[in-house]
Amino acid sequence: MREKVEKALDKIKSALQAHGGDVELVDVKDGVVTVRLTGACVGCPMSRITLKNGVERALKAEIPEVKKVESI
């Protein structure tokens, strides 16, 4: 499943990078994906929305086994 998540993240990274941010995969366990938002996403008040409405929504749409996405 980790490989599927990495491929799905690669598809959305360009949108984050266009705004100076990025996302990196930390772990995948029992349907919970842990990521780290980097770059301009660090400290951005909109990063929580980006995580849930952007990253989590995209991963769940492509990989039904994903239950939730958390950021560290």
PDB file of N, CA and C in Angstrom:
ATOM      1  N   MET A   1       0.817  -1.192   0.000  1.00  0.00           N
ATOM      2  CA  MET A   1       0.000   0.000   0.000  1.00  0.00           C
ATOM      3  C   MET A   1       0.866   1.263   0.000  1.00  0.00           C
ATOM      4  N   ARG A   2       2.031   1.163   0.614  1.00  0.00           N
ATOM      5  CA  ARG A   2       2.921   2.327   0.661  1.00  0.00           C
ATOM      6  C   ARG A   2       3.255   2.840  -0.741  1.00  0.00           C
ATOM      7  N   GLU A   3       3.504   1.904  -1.646  1.00  0.00           N
ATOM      8  CA  GLU A   3       3.841   2.291  -3.019  1.00  0.00           C
ATOM      9  C   GLU A   3       2.676   3.016  -3.689  1.00  0.00           C
ATOM     10  N   LYS A   4       1.454   2.545  -3.460  1.00  0.00           N
ATOM     11  CA  LYS A   4       0.270   3.213  -4.008  1.00  0.00           C
ATOM     12  C   LYS A   4       0.159   4.640  -3.481  1.00  0.00           C
ATOM     13  N   VAL A   5       0.398   4.804  -2.182  1.00  0.00           N
ATOM     14  CA  VAL A   5       0.303   6.130  -1.565  1.00  0.00           C
ATOM     15  C   VAL A   5       1.371   7.055  -2.143  1.00  0.00           C
ATOM     16  N   GLU A   6       2.588   6.561  -2.302  1.00  0.00           N
ATOM     17  CA  GLU A   6       3.658   7.386  -2.869  1.00  0.00           C
ATOM     18  C   GLU A   6       3.303   7.846  -4.284  1.00  0.00           C
ATOM     19  N   LYS A   7       2.737   6.953  -5.092  1.00  0.00           N
ATOM     20  CA  LYS A   7       2.347   7.317  -6.457  1.00  0.00           C
ATOM     21  C   LYS A   7       1.227   8.356  -6.451  1.00  0.00           C
ATOM     22  N   ALA A   8       0.269   8.193  -5.552  1.00  0.00           N
ATOM     23  CA  ALA A   8      -0.834   9.156  -5.462  1.00  0.00           C
ATOM     24  C   ALA A   8      -0.328  10.513  -4.986  1.00  0.00           C
ATOM     25  N   LEU A   9       0.598  10.523  -4.029  1.00  0.00           N
ATOM     26  CA  LEU A   9       1.164  11.785  -3.552  1.00  0.00           C
ATOM     27  C   LEU A   9       1.936  12.492  -4.658  1.00  0.00           C
ATOM     28  N   ASP A  10       2.620  11.727  -5.486  1.00  0.00           N
ATOM     29  CA  ASP A  10       3.369  12.325  -6.593  1.00  0.00           C
ATOM     30  C   ASP A  10       2.446  13.116  -7.521  1.00  0.00           C
ATOM     31  N   LYS A  11       1.209  12.674  -7.647  1.00  0.00           N
ATOM     32  CA  LYS A  11       0.254  13.348  -8.525  1.00  0.00           C
ATOM     33  C   LYS A  11      -0.189  14.705  -7.978  1.00  0.00           C
ATOM     34  N   ILE A  12      -0.164  14.874  -6.655  1.00  0.00           N
ATOM     35  CA  ILE A  12      -0.645  16.140  -6.069  1.00  0.00           C
ATOM     36  C   ILE A  12       0.484  17.058  -5.616  1.00  0.00           C
ATOM     37  N   LYS A  13       1.698  16.546  -5.614  1.00  0.00           N
ATOM     38  CA  LYS A  13       2.829  17.358  -5.158  1.00  0.00           C
ATOM     39  C   LYS A  13       3.014  18.633  -5.970  1.00  0.00           C
ATOM     40  N   SER A  14       2.777  18.570  -7.254  1.00  0.00           N
ATOM     41  CA  SER A  14       3.003  19.748  -8.095  1.00  0.00           C
ATOM     42  C   SER A  14       2.120  20.917  -7.676  1.00  0.00           C
ATOM     43  N   ALA A  15       0.898  20.622  -7.242  1.00  0.00           N
ATOM     44  CA  ALA A  15       0.002  21.691  -6.782  1.00  0.00           C
ATOM     45  C   ALA A  15       0.542  22.339  -5.511  1.00  0.00           C
ATOM     46  N   LEU A  16       1.057  21.547  -4.606  1.00  0.00           N
ATOM     47  CA  LEU A  16       1.643  22.085  -3.375  1.00  0.00           C
ATOM     48  C   LEU A  16       2.930  22.851  -3.679  1.00  0.00           C
ATOM     49  N   GLN A  17       3.745  22.292  -4.550  1.00  0.00           N
ATOM     50  CA  GLN A  17       5.016  22.922  -4.890  1.00  0.00           C
ATOM     51  C   GLN A  17       4.816  24.246  -5.612  1.00  0.00           C
ATOM     52  N   ALA A  18       3.727  24.382  -6.337  1.00  0.00           N
ATOM     53  CA  ALA A  18       3.429  25.638  -7.034  1.00  0.00           C
ATOM     54  C   ALA A  18       3.208  26.779  -6.050  1.00  0.00           C
ATOM     55  N   HIS A  19       2.867  26.436  -4.818  1.00  0.00           N
ATOM     56  CA  HIS A  19       2.642  27.439  -3.775  1.00  0.00           C
ATOM     57  C   HIS A  19       3.773  27.461  -2.753  1.00  0.00           C
ATOM     58  N   GLY A  20       4.872  26.800  -3.076  1.00  0.00           N
ATOM     59  CA  GLY A  20       6.045  26.814  -2.200  1.00  0.00           C
ATOM     60  C   GLY A  20       6.052  25.752  -1.120  1.00  0.00           C
ATOM     61  N   GLY A  21       5.093  24.843  -1.154  1.00  0.00           N
ATOM     62  CA  GLY A  21       5.025  23.784  -0.144  1.00  0.00           C
ATOM     63  C   GLY A  21       5.352  22.433  -0.744  1.00  0.00           C
ATOM     64  N   ASP A  22       5.230  21.425   0.081  1.00  0.00           N
ATOM     65  CA  ASP A  22       5.453  20.056  -0.378  1.00  0.00           C
ATOM     66  C   ASP A  22       4.918  19.106   0.680  1.00  0.00           C
ATOM     67  N   VAL A  23       4.844  17.838   0.331  1.00  0.00           N
ATOM     68  CA  VAL A  23       4.397  16.801   1.261  1.00  0.00           C
ATOM     69  C   VAL A  23       5.318  15.606   1.100  1.00  0.00           C
ATOM     70  N   GLU A  24       5.674  14.997   2.225  1.00  0.00           N
ATOM     71  CA  GLU A  24       6.485  13.784   2.161  1.00  0.00           C
ATOM     72  C   GLU A  24       5.836  12.706   3.006  1.00  0.00           C
ATOM     73  N   LEU A  25       5.894  11.495   2.527  1.00  0.00           N
ATOM     74  CA  LEU A  25       5.299  10.356   3.204  1.00  0.00           C
ATOM     75  C   LEU A  25       6.200   9.921   4.355  1.00  0.00           C
ATOM     76  N   VAL A  26       5.596   9.749   5.526  1.00  0.00           N
ATOM     77  CA  VAL A  26       6.335   9.290   6.702  1.00  0.00           C
ATOM     78  C   VAL A  26       6.033   7.816   6.964  1.00  0.00           C
ATOM     79  N   ASP A  27       4.734   7.454   6.970  1.00  0.00           N
ATOM     80  CA  ASP A  27       4.368   6.086   7.317  1.00  0.00           C
ATOM     81  C   ASP A  27       2.972   5.760   6.789  1.00  0.00           C
ATOM     82  N   VAL A  28       2.731   4.482   6.602  1.00  0.00           N
ATOM     83  CA  VAL A  28       1.403   3.973   6.268  1.00  0.00           C
ATOM     84  C   VAL A  28       1.175   2.762   7.158  1.00  0.00           C
ATOM     85  N   LYS A  29       0.123   2.834   7.983  1.00  0.00           N
ATOM     86  CA  LYS A  29      -0.140   1.725   8.897  1.00  0.00           C
ATOM     87  C   LYS A  29      -1.637   1.620   9.149  1.00  0.00           C
ATOM     88  N   ASP A  30      -2.191   0.454   8.894  1.00  0.00           N
ATOM     89  CA  ASP A  30      -3.609   0.166   9.154  1.00  0.00           C
ATOM     90  C   ASP A  30      -4.542   1.201   8.529  1.00  0.00           C
ATOM     91  N   GLY A  31      -4.234   1.630   7.329  1.00  0.00           N
ATOM     92  CA  GLY A  31      -5.081   2.580   6.630  1.00  0.00           C
ATOM     93  C   GLY A  31      -4.881   4.028   7.011  1.00  0.00           C
ATOM     94  N   VAL A  32      -3.958   4.285   7.938  1.00  0.00           N
ATOM     95  CA  VAL A  32      -3.656   5.654   8.358  1.00  0.00           C
ATOM     96  C   VAL A  32      -2.340   6.072   7.699  1.00  0.00           C
ATOM     97  N   VAL A  33      -2.409   7.155   6.944  1.00  0.00           N
ATOM     98  CA  VAL A  33      -1.233   7.673   6.247  1.00  0.00           C
ATOM     99  C   VAL A  33      -0.708   8.858   7.039  1.00  0.00           C
ATOM    100  N   THR A  34       0.570   8.810   7.379  1.00  0.00           N
ATOM    101  CA  THR A  34       1.204   9.911   8.092  1.00  0.00           C
ATOM    102  C   THR A  34       2.132  10.627   7.123  1.00  0.00           C
ATOM    103  N   VAL A  35       1.956  11.942   7.033  1.00  0.00           N
ATOM    104  CA  VAL A  35       2.768  12.754   6.134  1.00  0.00           C
ATOM    105  C   VAL A  35       3.379  13.923   6.903  1.00  0.00           C
ATOM    106  N   ARG A  36       4.322  14.558   6.261  1.00  0.00           N
ATOM    107  CA  ARG A  36       4.925  15.782   6.791  1.00  0.00           C
ATOM    108  C   ARG A  36       4.780  16.849   5.719  1.00  0.00           C
ATOM    109  N   LEU A  37       4.108  17.933   6.067  1.00  0.00           N
ATOM    110  CA  LEU A  37       4.020  19.059   5.154  1.00  0.00           C
ATOM    111  C   LEU A  37       5.276  19.898   5.337  1.00  0.00           C
ATOM    112  N   THR A  38       5.873  20.329   4.234  1.00  0.00           N
ATOM    113  CA  THR A  38       7.134  21.069   4.307  1.00  0.00           C
ATOM    114  C   THR A  38       7.037  22.357   3.500  1.00  0.00           C
ATOM    115  N   GLY A  39       8.099  23.127   3.535  1.00  0.00           N
ATOM    116  CA  GLY A  39       8.160  24.370   2.770  1.00  0.00           C
ATOM    117  C   GLY A  39       7.188  25.397   3.308  1.00  0.00           C
ATOM    118  N   ALA A  40       6.496  26.070   2.419  1.00  0.00           N
ATOM    119  CA  ALA A  40       5.568  27.129   2.798  1.00  0.00           C
ATOM    120  C   ALA A  40       4.389  26.591   3.620  1.00  0.00           C
ATOM    121  N   CYS A  41       4.152  25.284   3.590  1.00  0.00           N
ATOM    122  CA  CYS A  41       3.054  24.699   4.363  1.00  0.00           C
ATOM    123  C   CYS A  41       3.314  24.764   5.865  1.00  0.00           C
ATOM    124  N   VAL A  42       4.587  24.793   6.241  1.00  0.00           N
ATOM    125  CA  VAL A  42       4.942  24.845   7.657  1.00  0.00           C
ATOM    126  C   VAL A  42       4.502  26.192   8.224  1.00  0.00           C
ATOM    127  N   GLY A  43       3.640  26.122   9.203  1.00  0.00           N
ATOM    128  CA  GLY A  43       3.173  27.341   9.848  1.00  0.00           C
ATOM    129  C   GLY A  43       2.059  28.063   9.120  1.00  0.00           C
ATOM    130  N   CYS A  44       1.664  27.575   7.971  1.00  0.00           N
ATOM    131  CA  CYS A  44       0.580  28.210   7.219  1.00  0.00           C
ATOM    132  C   CYS A  44      -0.751  27.898   7.897  1.00  0.00           C
ATOM    133  N   PRO A  45      -1.579  28.921   8.126  1.00  0.00           N
ATOM    134  CA  PRO A  45      -2.864  28.665   8.770  1.00  0.00           C
ATOM    135  C   PRO A  45      -3.814  27.814   7.924  1.00  0.00           C
ATOM    136  N   MET A  46      -3.556  27.702   6.653  1.00  0.00           N
ATOM    137  CA  MET A  46      -4.402  26.908   5.769  1.00  0.00           C
ATOM    138  C   MET A  46      -3.906  25.465   5.607  1.00  0.00           C
ATOM    139  N   SER A  47      -2.811  25.111   6.254  1.00  0.00           N
ATOM    140  CA  SER A  47      -2.231  23.783   6.047  1.00  0.00           C
ATOM    141  C   SER A  47      -3.161  22.658   6.494  1.00  0.00           C
ATOM    142  N   ARG A  48      -3.956  22.884   7.527  1.00  0.00           N
ATOM    143  CA  ARG A  48      -4.898  21.856   7.989  1.00  0.00           C
ATOM    144  C   ARG A  48      -5.961  21.598   6.906  1.00  0.00           C
ATOM    145  N   ILE A  49      -6.413  22.654   6.274  1.00  0.00           N
ATOM    146  CA  ILE A  49      -7.395  22.522   5.197  1.00  0.00           C
ATOM    147  C   ILE A  49      -6.757  21.824   3.994  1.00  0.00           C
ATOM    148  N   THR A  50      -5.526  22.199   3.688  1.00  0.00           N
ATOM    149  CA  THR A  50      -4.796  21.542   2.598  1.00  0.00           C
ATOM    150  C   THR A  50      -4.671  20.054   2.872  1.00  0.00           C
ATOM    151  N   LEU A  51      -4.376  19.708   4.110  1.00  0.00           N
ATOM    152  CA  LEU A  51      -4.203  18.307   4.477  1.00  0.00           C
ATOM    153  C   LEU A  51      -5.504  17.528   4.302  1.00  0.00           C
ATOM    154  N   LYS A  52      -6.590  18.040   4.840  1.00  0.00           N
ATOM    155  CA  LYS A  52      -7.863  17.310   4.799  1.00  0.00           C
ATOM    156  C   LYS A  52      -8.558  17.401   3.449  1.00  0.00           C
ATOM    157  N   ASN A  53      -8.698  18.601   2.910  1.00  0.00           N
ATOM    158  CA  ASN A  53      -9.448  18.783   1.660  1.00  0.00           C
ATOM    159  C   ASN A  53      -8.624  18.487   0.423  1.00  0.00           C
ATOM    160  N   GLY A  54      -7.314  18.540   0.540  1.00  0.00           N
ATOM    161  CA  GLY A  54      -6.453  18.282  -0.610  1.00  0.00           C
ATOM    162  C   GLY A  54      -5.845  16.897  -0.560  1.00  0.00           C
ATOM    163  N   VAL A  55      -4.925  16.711   0.358  1.00  0.00           N
ATOM    164  CA  VAL A  55      -4.155  15.467   0.424  1.00  0.00           C
ATOM    165  C   VAL A  55      -5.046  14.275   0.779  1.00  0.00           C
ATOM    166  N   GLU A  56      -5.796  14.383   1.860  1.00  0.00           N
ATOM    167  CA  GLU A  56      -6.622  13.248   2.292  1.00  0.00           C
ATOM    168  C   GLU A  56      -7.689  12.900   1.253  1.00  0.00           C
ATOM    169  N   ARG A  57      -8.343  13.884   0.719  1.00  0.00           N
ATOM    170  CA  ARG A  57      -9.388  13.634  -0.277  1.00  0.00           C
ATOM    171  C   ARG A  57      -8.815  12.942  -1.511  1.00  0.00           C
ATOM    172  N   ALA A  58      -7.659  13.401  -1.974  1.00  0.00           N
ATOM    173  CA  ALA A  58      -7.038  12.801  -3.163  1.00  0.00           C
ATOM    174  C   ALA A  58      -6.622  11.354  -2.902  1.00  0.00           C
ATOM    175  N   LEU A  59      -6.045  11.108  -1.727  1.00  0.00           N
ATOM    176  CA  LEU A  59      -5.606   9.746  -1.413  1.00  0.00           C
ATOM    177  C   LEU A  59      -6.793   8.805  -1.266  1.00  0.00           C
ATOM    178  N   LYS A  60      -7.836   9.244  -0.581  1.00  0.00           N
ATOM    179  CA  LYS A  60      -9.016   8.388  -0.406  1.00  0.00           C
ATOM    180  C   LYS A  60      -9.700   8.095  -1.736  1.00  0.00           C
ATOM    181  N   ALA A  61      -9.714   9.063  -2.629  1.00  0.00           N
ATOM    182  CA  ALA A  61     -10.339   8.860  -3.936  1.00  0.00           C
ATOM    183  C   ALA A  61      -9.589   7.817  -4.757  1.00  0.00           C
ATOM    184  N   GLU A  62      -8.284   7.808  -4.629  1.00  0.00           N
ATOM    185  CA  GLU A  62      -7.477   6.880  -5.428  1.00  0.00           C
ATOM    186  C   GLU A  62      -7.254   5.537  -4.733  1.00  0.00           C
ATOM    187  N   ILE A  63      -7.216   5.570  -3.393  1.00  0.00           N
ATOM    188  CA  ILE A  63      -6.912   4.359  -2.624  1.00  0.00           C
ATOM    189  C   ILE A  63      -7.982   4.193  -1.540  1.00  0.00           C
ATOM    190  N   PRO A  64      -9.014   3.415  -1.796  1.00  0.00           N
ATOM    191  CA  PRO A  64     -10.119   3.268  -0.845  1.00  0.00           C
ATOM    192  C   PRO A  64      -9.706   2.734   0.534  1.00  0.00           C
ATOM    193  N   GLU A  65      -8.562   2.056   0.606  1.00  0.00           N
ATOM    194  CA  GLU A  65      -8.101   1.502   1.889  1.00  0.00           C
ATOM    195  C   GLU A  65      -7.626   2.585   2.857  1.00  0.00           C
ATOM    196  N   VAL A  66      -7.373   3.792   2.361  1.00  0.00           N
ATOM    197  CA  VAL A  66      -6.926   4.887   3.220  1.00  0.00           C
ATOM    198  C   VAL A  66      -8.104   5.342   4.075  1.00  0.00           C
ATOM    199  N   LYS A  67      -7.925   5.301   5.397  1.00  0.00           N
ATOM    200  CA  LYS A  67      -8.968   5.722   6.327  1.00  0.00           C
ATOM    201  C   LYS A  67      -8.842   7.184   6.688  1.00  0.00           C
ATOM    202  N   LYS A  68      -7.606   7.621   6.910  1.00  0.00           N
ATOM    203  CA  LYS A  68      -7.367   9.024   7.229  1.00  0.00           C
ATOM    204  C   LYS A  68      -5.916   9.375   6.991  1.00  0.00           C
ATOM    205  N   VAL A  69      -5.665  10.681   6.931  1.00  0.00           N
ATOM    206  CA  VAL A  69      -4.311  11.198   6.734  1.00  0.00           C
ATOM    207  C   VAL A  69      -4.006  12.124   7.897  1.00  0.00           C
ATOM    208  N   GLU A  70      -2.851  11.904   8.513  1.00  0.00           N
ATOM    209  CA  GLU A  70      -2.408  12.733   9.635  1.00  0.00           C
ATOM    210  C   GLU A  70      -1.079  13.381   9.279  1.00  0.00           C
ATOM    211  N   SER A  71      -0.848  14.548   9.857  1.00  0.00           N
ATOM    212  CA  SER A  71       0.407  15.245   9.644  1.00  0.00           C
ATOM    213  C   SER A  71       1.192  15.318  10.940  1.00  0.00           C
ATOM    214  N   ILE A  72       2.508  15.196  10.823  1.00  0.00           N
ATOM    215  CA  ILE A  72       3.353  15.348  12.010  1.00  0.00           C
ATOM    216  C   ILE A  72       4.196  16.597  11.880  1.00  0.00           C
TER     217      ILE A  72
END
